[in-house]
């Protein structure tokens, strides 16, 4: 990639971060979002056991999720990992679990909302991620879209 391609990519990343921060999506907000959301997940009757069976080091997981959401919301590039592989490895995960996840995520967004724009932006990205993961799981498991 030449410099003529790098500059627009950097400018786009900086514009995305500036837009997010203007709505109140800054590093402290992302940390609060992750911590609050996973508190809800861990207490949830349906999702709690799924996560507890797989996450043995919550501080490390929460740090990873903060990097993930910073990458998603700020295009920070601070996350390295393979969310698809992690989710494919969970047997029996279906639409209902993703819908529950999104419901808890939306509740968290409303509880900590710095602005309606922030909640709208983050909710849209969460829905895209959930849809992508569910599609990938179905393709992997069934060899096709369900």
Foldseek 3Di string as FASTA:
>chain_A
DDPVVVVVVVVVLQVQQVVLVVQPPDLVLLLQLLVQLVVCQCPDPPRNVLVVVPDPDVVVVSVLSSQVVCCLRRVPPSHDDDVLVVLLPRPPDAPVNLVVSLVSSLVSCVVSPPHPVNSVVVSVSSVVVSVVSRQSSCCVVVVHGD
